[in-house]
Amino acid sequence: MAVGTNPAPTTDVAELLLLLLADGLTPRARDVLKRVVAGLPSRAIATELHSTVSTVQDI
C-alpha cells in the first residue's frame, strides 16, 4: 500500500473536521459549524441563519 505525502485538499479536510466535530451537536449547531468551516465570519453566518451574532458565537 502506497502512502502519499501530499496534504489532503482543503475540502476533504473541512469535511473530515465537520464529521468529527458534528457528532452530538444540535442541527442548528451543525448549521453554524458548516459555515465556520467554510470560512464565513460570524456576521454572515448570523444573517444566513436569521440569527444574531451573539447567538452564533455562543453556539
PDB file of N, CA and C in Angstrom:
ATOM      1  N   MET A   1       0.844  -1.167   0.000  1.00  0.00           N
ATOM      2  CA  MET A   1       0.000   0.000   0.000  1.00  0.00           C
ATOM      3  C   MET A   1       0.891   1.232   0.000  1.00  0.00           C
ATOM      4  N   ALA A   2       0.607   2.147  -0.906  1.00  0.00           N
ATOM      5  CA  ALA A   2       1.377   3.387  -1.010  1.00  0.00           C
ATOM      6  C   ALA A   2       0.729   4.461  -0.140  1.00  0.00           C
ATOM      7  N   VAL A   3       1.558   5.221   0.518  1.00  0.00           N
ATOM      8  CA  VAL A   3       1.072   6.333   1.344  1.00  0.00           C
ATOM      9  C   VAL A   3       1.613   7.615   0.757  1.00  0.00           C
ATOM     10  N   GLY A   4       0.720   8.523   0.391  1.00  0.00           N
ATOM     11  CA  GLY A   4       1.133   9.795  -0.187  1.00  0.00           C
ATOM     12  C   GLY A   4       1.543  10.784   0.884  1.00  0.00           C
ATOM     13  N   THR A   5       2.424  11.669   0.518  1.00  0.00           N
ATOM     14  CA  THR A   5       2.846  12.706   1.459  1.00  0.00           C
ATOM     15  C   THR A   5       2.201  14.042   1.166  1.00  0.00           C
ATOM     16  N   ASN A   6       1.391  14.095   0.119  1.00  0.00           N
ATOM     17  CA  ASN A   6       0.712  15.341  -0.213  1.00  0.00           C
ATOM     18  C   ASN A   6      -0.422  15.575   0.780  1.00  0.00           C
ATOM     19  N   PRO A   7      -0.593  16.815   1.230  1.00  0.00           N
ATOM     20  CA  PRO A   7      -1.710  17.097   2.142  1.00  0.00           C
ATOM     21  C   PRO A   7      -3.041  16.924   1.427  1.00  0.00           C
ATOM     22  N   ALA A   8      -4.067  16.615   2.196  1.00  0.00           N
ATOM     23  CA  ALA A   8      -5.407  16.458   1.625  1.00  0.00           C
ATOM     24  C   ALA A   8      -5.909  17.808   1.139  1.00  0.00           C
ATOM     25  N   PRO A   9      -6.700  17.799   0.061  1.00  0.00           N
ATOM     26  CA  PRO A   9      -7.300  19.065  -0.393  1.00  0.00           C
ATOM     27  C   PRO A   9      -8.117  19.690   0.728  1.00  0.00           C
ATOM     28  N   THR A  10      -8.221  20.996   0.713  1.00  0.00           N
ATOM     29  CA  THR A  10      -8.906  21.727   1.774  1.00  0.00           C
ATOM     30  C   THR A  10     -10.323  21.220   2.002  1.00  0.00           C
ATOM     31  N   THR A  11     -11.054  20.937   0.932  1.00  0.00           N
ATOM     32  CA  THR A  11     -12.432  20.492   1.109  1.00  0.00           C
ATOM     33  C   THR A  11     -12.481  19.157   1.834  1.00  0.00           C
ATOM     34  N   ASP A  12     -11.544  18.267   1.574  1.00  0.00           N
ATOM     35  CA  ASP A  12     -11.515  16.990   2.278  1.00  0.00           C
ATOM     36  C   ASP A  12     -11.256  17.194   3.761  1.00  0.00           C
ATOM     37  N   VAL A  13     -10.344  18.073   4.086  1.00  0.00           N
ATOM     38  CA  VAL A  13     -10.034  18.364   5.480  1.00  0.00           C
ATOM     39  C   VAL A  13     -11.245  18.991   6.157  1.00  0.00           C
ATOM     40  N   ALA A  14     -11.895  19.922   5.497  1.00  0.00           N
ATOM     41  CA  ALA A  14     -13.062  20.581   6.065  1.00  0.00           C
ATOM     42  C   ALA A  14     -14.186  19.573   6.306  1.00  0.00           C
ATOM     43  N   GLU A  15     -14.409  18.679   5.352  1.00  0.00           N
ATOM     44  CA  GLU A  15     -15.460  17.675   5.511  1.00  0.00           C
ATOM     45  C   GLU A  15     -15.133  16.727   6.660  1.00  0.00           C
ATOM     46  N   LEU A  16     -13.885  16.334   6.779  1.00  0.00           N
ATOM     47  CA  LEU A  16     -13.476  15.457   7.872  1.00  0.00           C
ATOM     48  C   LEU A  16     -13.653  16.157   9.211  1.00  0.00           C
ATOM     49  N   LEU A  17     -13.229  17.403   9.290  1.00  0.00           N
ATOM     50  CA  LEU A  17     -13.394  18.177  10.521  1.00  0.00           C
ATOM     51  C   LEU A  17     -14.867  18.284  10.891  1.00  0.00           C
ATOM     52  N   LEU A  18     -15.686  18.548   9.905  1.00  0.00           N
ATOM     53  CA  LEU A  18     -17.119  18.672  10.144  1.00  0.00           C
ATOM     54  C   LEU A  18     -17.685  17.367  10.686  1.00  0.00           C
ATOM     55  N   LEU A  19     -17.304  16.242  10.096  1.00  0.00           N
ATOM     56  CA  LEU A  19     -17.789  14.943  10.567  1.00  0.00           C
ATOM     57  C   LEU A  19     -17.344  14.666  11.995  1.00  0.00           C
ATOM     58  N   LEU A  20     -16.101  14.983  12.296  1.00  0.00           N
ATOM     59  CA  LEU A  20     -15.573  14.721  13.632  1.00  0.00           C
ATOM     60  C   LEU A  20     -16.222  15.600  14.698  1.00  0.00           C
ATOM     61  N   LEU A  21     -16.450  16.853  14.359  1.00  0.00           N
ATOM     62  CA  LEU A  21     -16.984  17.793  15.341  1.00  0.00           C
ATOM     63  C   LEU A  21     -18.505  17.774  15.451  1.00  0.00           C
ATOM     64  N   ALA A  22     -19.187  17.332  14.401  1.00  0.00           N
ATOM     65  CA  ALA A  22     -20.642  17.429  14.358  1.00  0.00           C
ATOM     66  C   ALA A  22     -21.341  16.378  15.208  1.00  0.00           C
ATOM     67  N   ASP A  23     -20.655  15.326  15.567  1.00  0.00           N
ATOM     68  CA  ASP A  23     -21.279  14.270  16.352  1.00  0.00           C
ATOM     69  C   ASP A  23     -21.774  14.822  17.680  1.00  0.00           C
ATOM     70  N   GLY A  24     -23.051  14.665  17.942  1.00  0.00           N
ATOM     71  CA  GLY A  24     -23.615  15.122  19.200  1.00  0.00           C
ATOM     72  C   GLY A  24     -24.099  16.560  19.199  1.00  0.00           C
ATOM     73  N   LEU A  25     -23.920  17.271  18.101  1.00  0.00           N
ATOM     74  CA  LEU A  25     -24.383  18.657  18.036  1.00  0.00           C
ATOM     75  C   LEU A  25     -25.848  18.712  17.610  1.00  0.00           C
ATOM     76  N   THR A  26     -26.497  19.778  17.983  1.00  0.00           N
ATOM     77  CA  THR A  26     -27.865  20.001  17.516  1.00  0.00           C
ATOM     78  C   THR A  26     -27.819  20.346  16.031  1.00  0.00           C
ATOM     79  N   PRO A  27     -28.932  20.183  15.336  1.00  0.00           N
ATOM     80  CA  PRO A  27     -28.956  20.566  13.916  1.00  0.00           C
ATOM     81  C   PRO A  27     -28.554  22.030  13.698  1.00  0.00           C
ATOM     82  N   ARG A  28     -28.962  22.913  14.596  1.00  0.00           N
ATOM     83  CA  ARG A  28     -28.626  24.339  14.466  1.00  0.00           C
ATOM     84  C   ARG A  28     -27.125  24.552  14.635  1.00  0.00           C
ATOM     85  N   ALA A  29     -26.534  23.874  15.608  1.00  0.00           N
ATOM     86  CA  ALA A  29     -25.094  23.989  15.827  1.00  0.00           C
ATOM     87  C   ALA A  29     -24.328  23.440  14.623  1.00  0.00           C
ATOM     88  N   ARG A  30     -24.844  22.374  14.004  1.00  0.00           N
ATOM     89  CA  ARG A  30     -24.210  21.843  12.789  1.00  0.00           C
ATOM     90  C   ARG A  30     -24.272  22.856  11.655  1.00  0.00           C
ATOM     91  N   ASP A  31     -25.394  23.563  11.536  1.00  0.00           N
ATOM     92  CA  ASP A  31     -25.520  24.601  10.508  1.00  0.00           C
ATOM     93  C   ASP A  31     -24.460  25.678  10.699  1.00  0.00           C
ATOM     94  N   VAL A  32     -24.262  26.081  11.944  1.00  0.00           N
ATOM     95  CA  VAL A  32     -23.246  27.091  12.245  1.00  0.00           C
ATOM     96  C   VAL A  32     -21.862  26.537  11.939  1.00  0.00           C
ATOM     97  N   LEU A  33     -21.585  25.326  12.380  1.00  0.00           N
ATOM     98  CA  LEU A  33     -20.274  24.713  12.176  1.00  0.00           C
ATOM     99  C   LEU A  33     -19.929  24.596  10.694  1.00  0.00           C
ATOM    100  N   LYS A  34     -20.897  24.210   9.876  1.00  0.00           N
ATOM    101  CA  LYS A  34     -20.655  24.115   8.428  1.00  0.00           C
ATOM    102  C   LYS A  34     -20.172  25.452   7.877  1.00  0.00           C
ATOM    103  N   ARG A  35     -20.773  26.512   8.327  1.00  0.00           N
ATOM    104  CA  ARG A  35     -20.413  27.840   7.831  1.00  0.00           C
ATOM    105  C   ARG A  35     -19.069  28.312   8.396  1.00  0.00           C
ATOM    106  N   VAL A  36     -18.779  27.952   9.636  1.00  0.00           N
ATOM    107  CA  VAL A  36     -17.478  28.292  10.230  1.00  0.00           C
ATOM    108  C   VAL A  36     -16.374  27.586   9.445  1.00  0.00           C
ATOM    109  N   VAL A  37     -16.564  26.297   9.175  1.00  0.00           N
ATOM    110  CA  VAL A  37     -15.574  25.526   8.425  1.00  0.00           C
ATOM    111  C   VAL A  37     -15.401  26.105   7.020  1.00  0.00           C
ATOM    112  N   ALA A  38     -16.483  26.639   6.449  1.00  0.00           N
ATOM    113  CA  ALA A  38     -16.409  27.259   5.124  1.00  0.00           C
ATOM    114  C   ALA A  38     -15.708  28.613   5.164  1.00  0.00           C
ATOM    115  N   GLY A  39     -15.444  29.127   6.380  1.00  0.00           N
ATOM    116  CA  GLY A  39     -14.703  30.378   6.498  1.00  0.00           C
ATOM    117  C   GLY A  39     -15.546  31.629   6.597  1.00  0.00           C
ATOM    118  N   LEU A  40     -16.842  31.479   6.806  1.00  0.00           N
ATOM    119  CA  LEU A  40     -17.698  32.661   6.908  1.00  0.00           C
ATOM    120  C   LEU A  40     -17.523  33.352   8.261  1.00  0.00           C
ATOM    121  N   PRO A  41     -17.559  34.676   8.278  1.00  0.00           N
ATOM    122  CA  PRO A  41     -17.494  35.401   9.549  1.00  0.00           C
ATOM    123  C   PRO A  41     -18.832  35.282  10.296  1.00  0.00           C
ATOM    124  N   SER A  42     -18.792  35.523  11.576  1.00  0.00           N
ATOM    125  CA  SER A  42     -19.990  35.386  12.426  1.00  0.00           C
ATOM    126  C   SER A  42     -21.170  36.202  11.914  1.00  0.00           C
ATOM    127  N   ARG A  43     -20.898  37.413  11.467  1.00  0.00           N
ATOM    128  CA  ARG A  43     -21.992  38.270  10.988  1.00  0.00           C
ATOM    129  C   ARG A  43     -22.690  37.652   9.763  1.00  0.00           C
ATOM    130  N   ALA A  44     -21.930  37.085   8.846  1.00  0.00           N
ATOM    131  CA  ALA A  44     -22.518  36.456   7.660  1.00  0.00           C
ATOM    132  C   ALA A  44     -23.315  35.210   8.050  1.00  0.00           C
ATOM    133  N   ILE A  45     -22.785  34.446   9.000  1.00  0.00           N
ATOM    134  CA  ILE A  45     -23.495  33.252   9.470  1.00  0.00           C
ATOM    135  C   ILE A  45     -24.818  33.660  10.109  1.00  0.00           C
ATOM    136  N   ALA A  46     -24.773  34.671  10.944  1.00  0.00           N
ATOM    137  CA  ALA A  46     -25.990  35.151  11.608  1.00  0.00           C
ATOM    138  C   ALA A  46     -27.021  35.603  10.578  1.00  0.00           C
ATOM    139  N   THR A  47     -26.583  36.315   9.575  1.00  0.00           N
ATOM    140  CA  THR A  47     -27.501  36.781   8.536  1.00  0.00           C
ATOM    141  C   THR A  47     -28.128  35.603   7.797  1.00  0.00           C
ATOM    142  N   GLU A  48     -27.304  34.641   7.391  1.00  0.00           N
ATOM    143  CA  GLU A  48     -27.814  33.480   6.653  1.00  0.00           C
ATOM    144  C   GLU A  48     -28.798  32.659   7.481  1.00  0.00           C
ATOM    145  N   LEU A  49     -28.550  32.570   8.777  1.00  0.00           N
ATOM    146  CA  LEU A  49     -29.392  31.734   9.634  1.00  0.00           C
ATOM    147  C   LEU A  49     -30.476  32.535  10.355  1.00  0.00           C
ATOM    148  N   HIS A  50     -30.625  33.806   9.983  1.00  0.00           N
ATOM    149  CA  HIS A  50     -31.625  34.674  10.591  1.00  0.00           C
ATOM    150  C   HIS A  50     -31.500  34.661  12.113  1.00  0.00           C
ATOM    151  N   SER A  51     -30.301  34.934  12.562  1.00  0.00           N
ATOM    152  CA  SER A  51     -29.977  34.904  13.982  1.00  0.00           C
ATOM    153  C   SER A  51     -29.167  36.141  14.323  1.00  0.00           C
ATOM    154  N   THR A  52     -28.679  36.206  15.544  1.00  0.00           N
ATOM    155  CA  THR A  52     -27.805  37.310  15.946  1.00  0.00           C
ATOM    156  C   THR A  52     -26.363  36.820  16.004  1.00  0.00           C
ATOM    157  N   VAL A  53     -25.438  37.755  15.930  1.00  0.00           N
ATOM    158  CA  VAL A  53     -24.029  37.422  16.022  1.00  0.00           C
ATOM    159  C   VAL A  53     -23.739  36.777  17.382  1.00  0.00           C
ATOM    160  N   SER A  54     -24.347  37.293  18.430  1.00  0.00           N
ATOM    161  CA  SER A  54     -24.154  36.730  19.774  1.00  0.00           C
ATOM    162  C   SER A  54     -24.574  35.270  19.833  1.00  0.00           C
ATOM    163  N   THR A  55     -25.688  34.950  19.228  1.00  0.00           N
ATOM    164  CA  THR A  55     -26.169  33.564  19.220  1.00  0.00           C
ATOM    165  C   THR A  55     -25.205  32.675  18.466  1.00  0.00           C
ATOM    166  N   VAL A  56     -24.744  33.142  17.327  1.00  0.00           N
ATOM    167  CA  VAL A  56     -23.788  32.366  16.525  1.00  0.00           C
ATOM    168  C   VAL A  56     -22.512  32.113  17.330  1.00  0.00           C
ATOM    169  N   GLN A  57     -22.032  33.121  18.011  1.00  0.00           N
ATOM    170  CA  GLN A  57     -20.789  32.982  18.776  1.00  0.00           C
ATOM    171  C   GLN A  57     -20.972  32.110  20.023  1.00  0.00           C
ATOM    172  N   ASP A  58     -22.190  32.039  20.545  1.00  0.00           N
ATOM    173  CA  ASP A  58     -22.457  31.212  21.721  1.00  0.00           C
ATOM    174  C   ASP A  58     -22.569  29.725  21.386  1.00  0.00           C
ATOM    175  N   ILE A  59     -22.866  29.437  20.135  1.00  0.00           N
ATOM    176  CA  ILE A  59     -23.008  28.028  19.742  1.00  0.00           C
ATOM    177  C   ILE A  59     -21.686  27.441  19.627  1.00  0.00           C
TER     178      ILE A  59
END
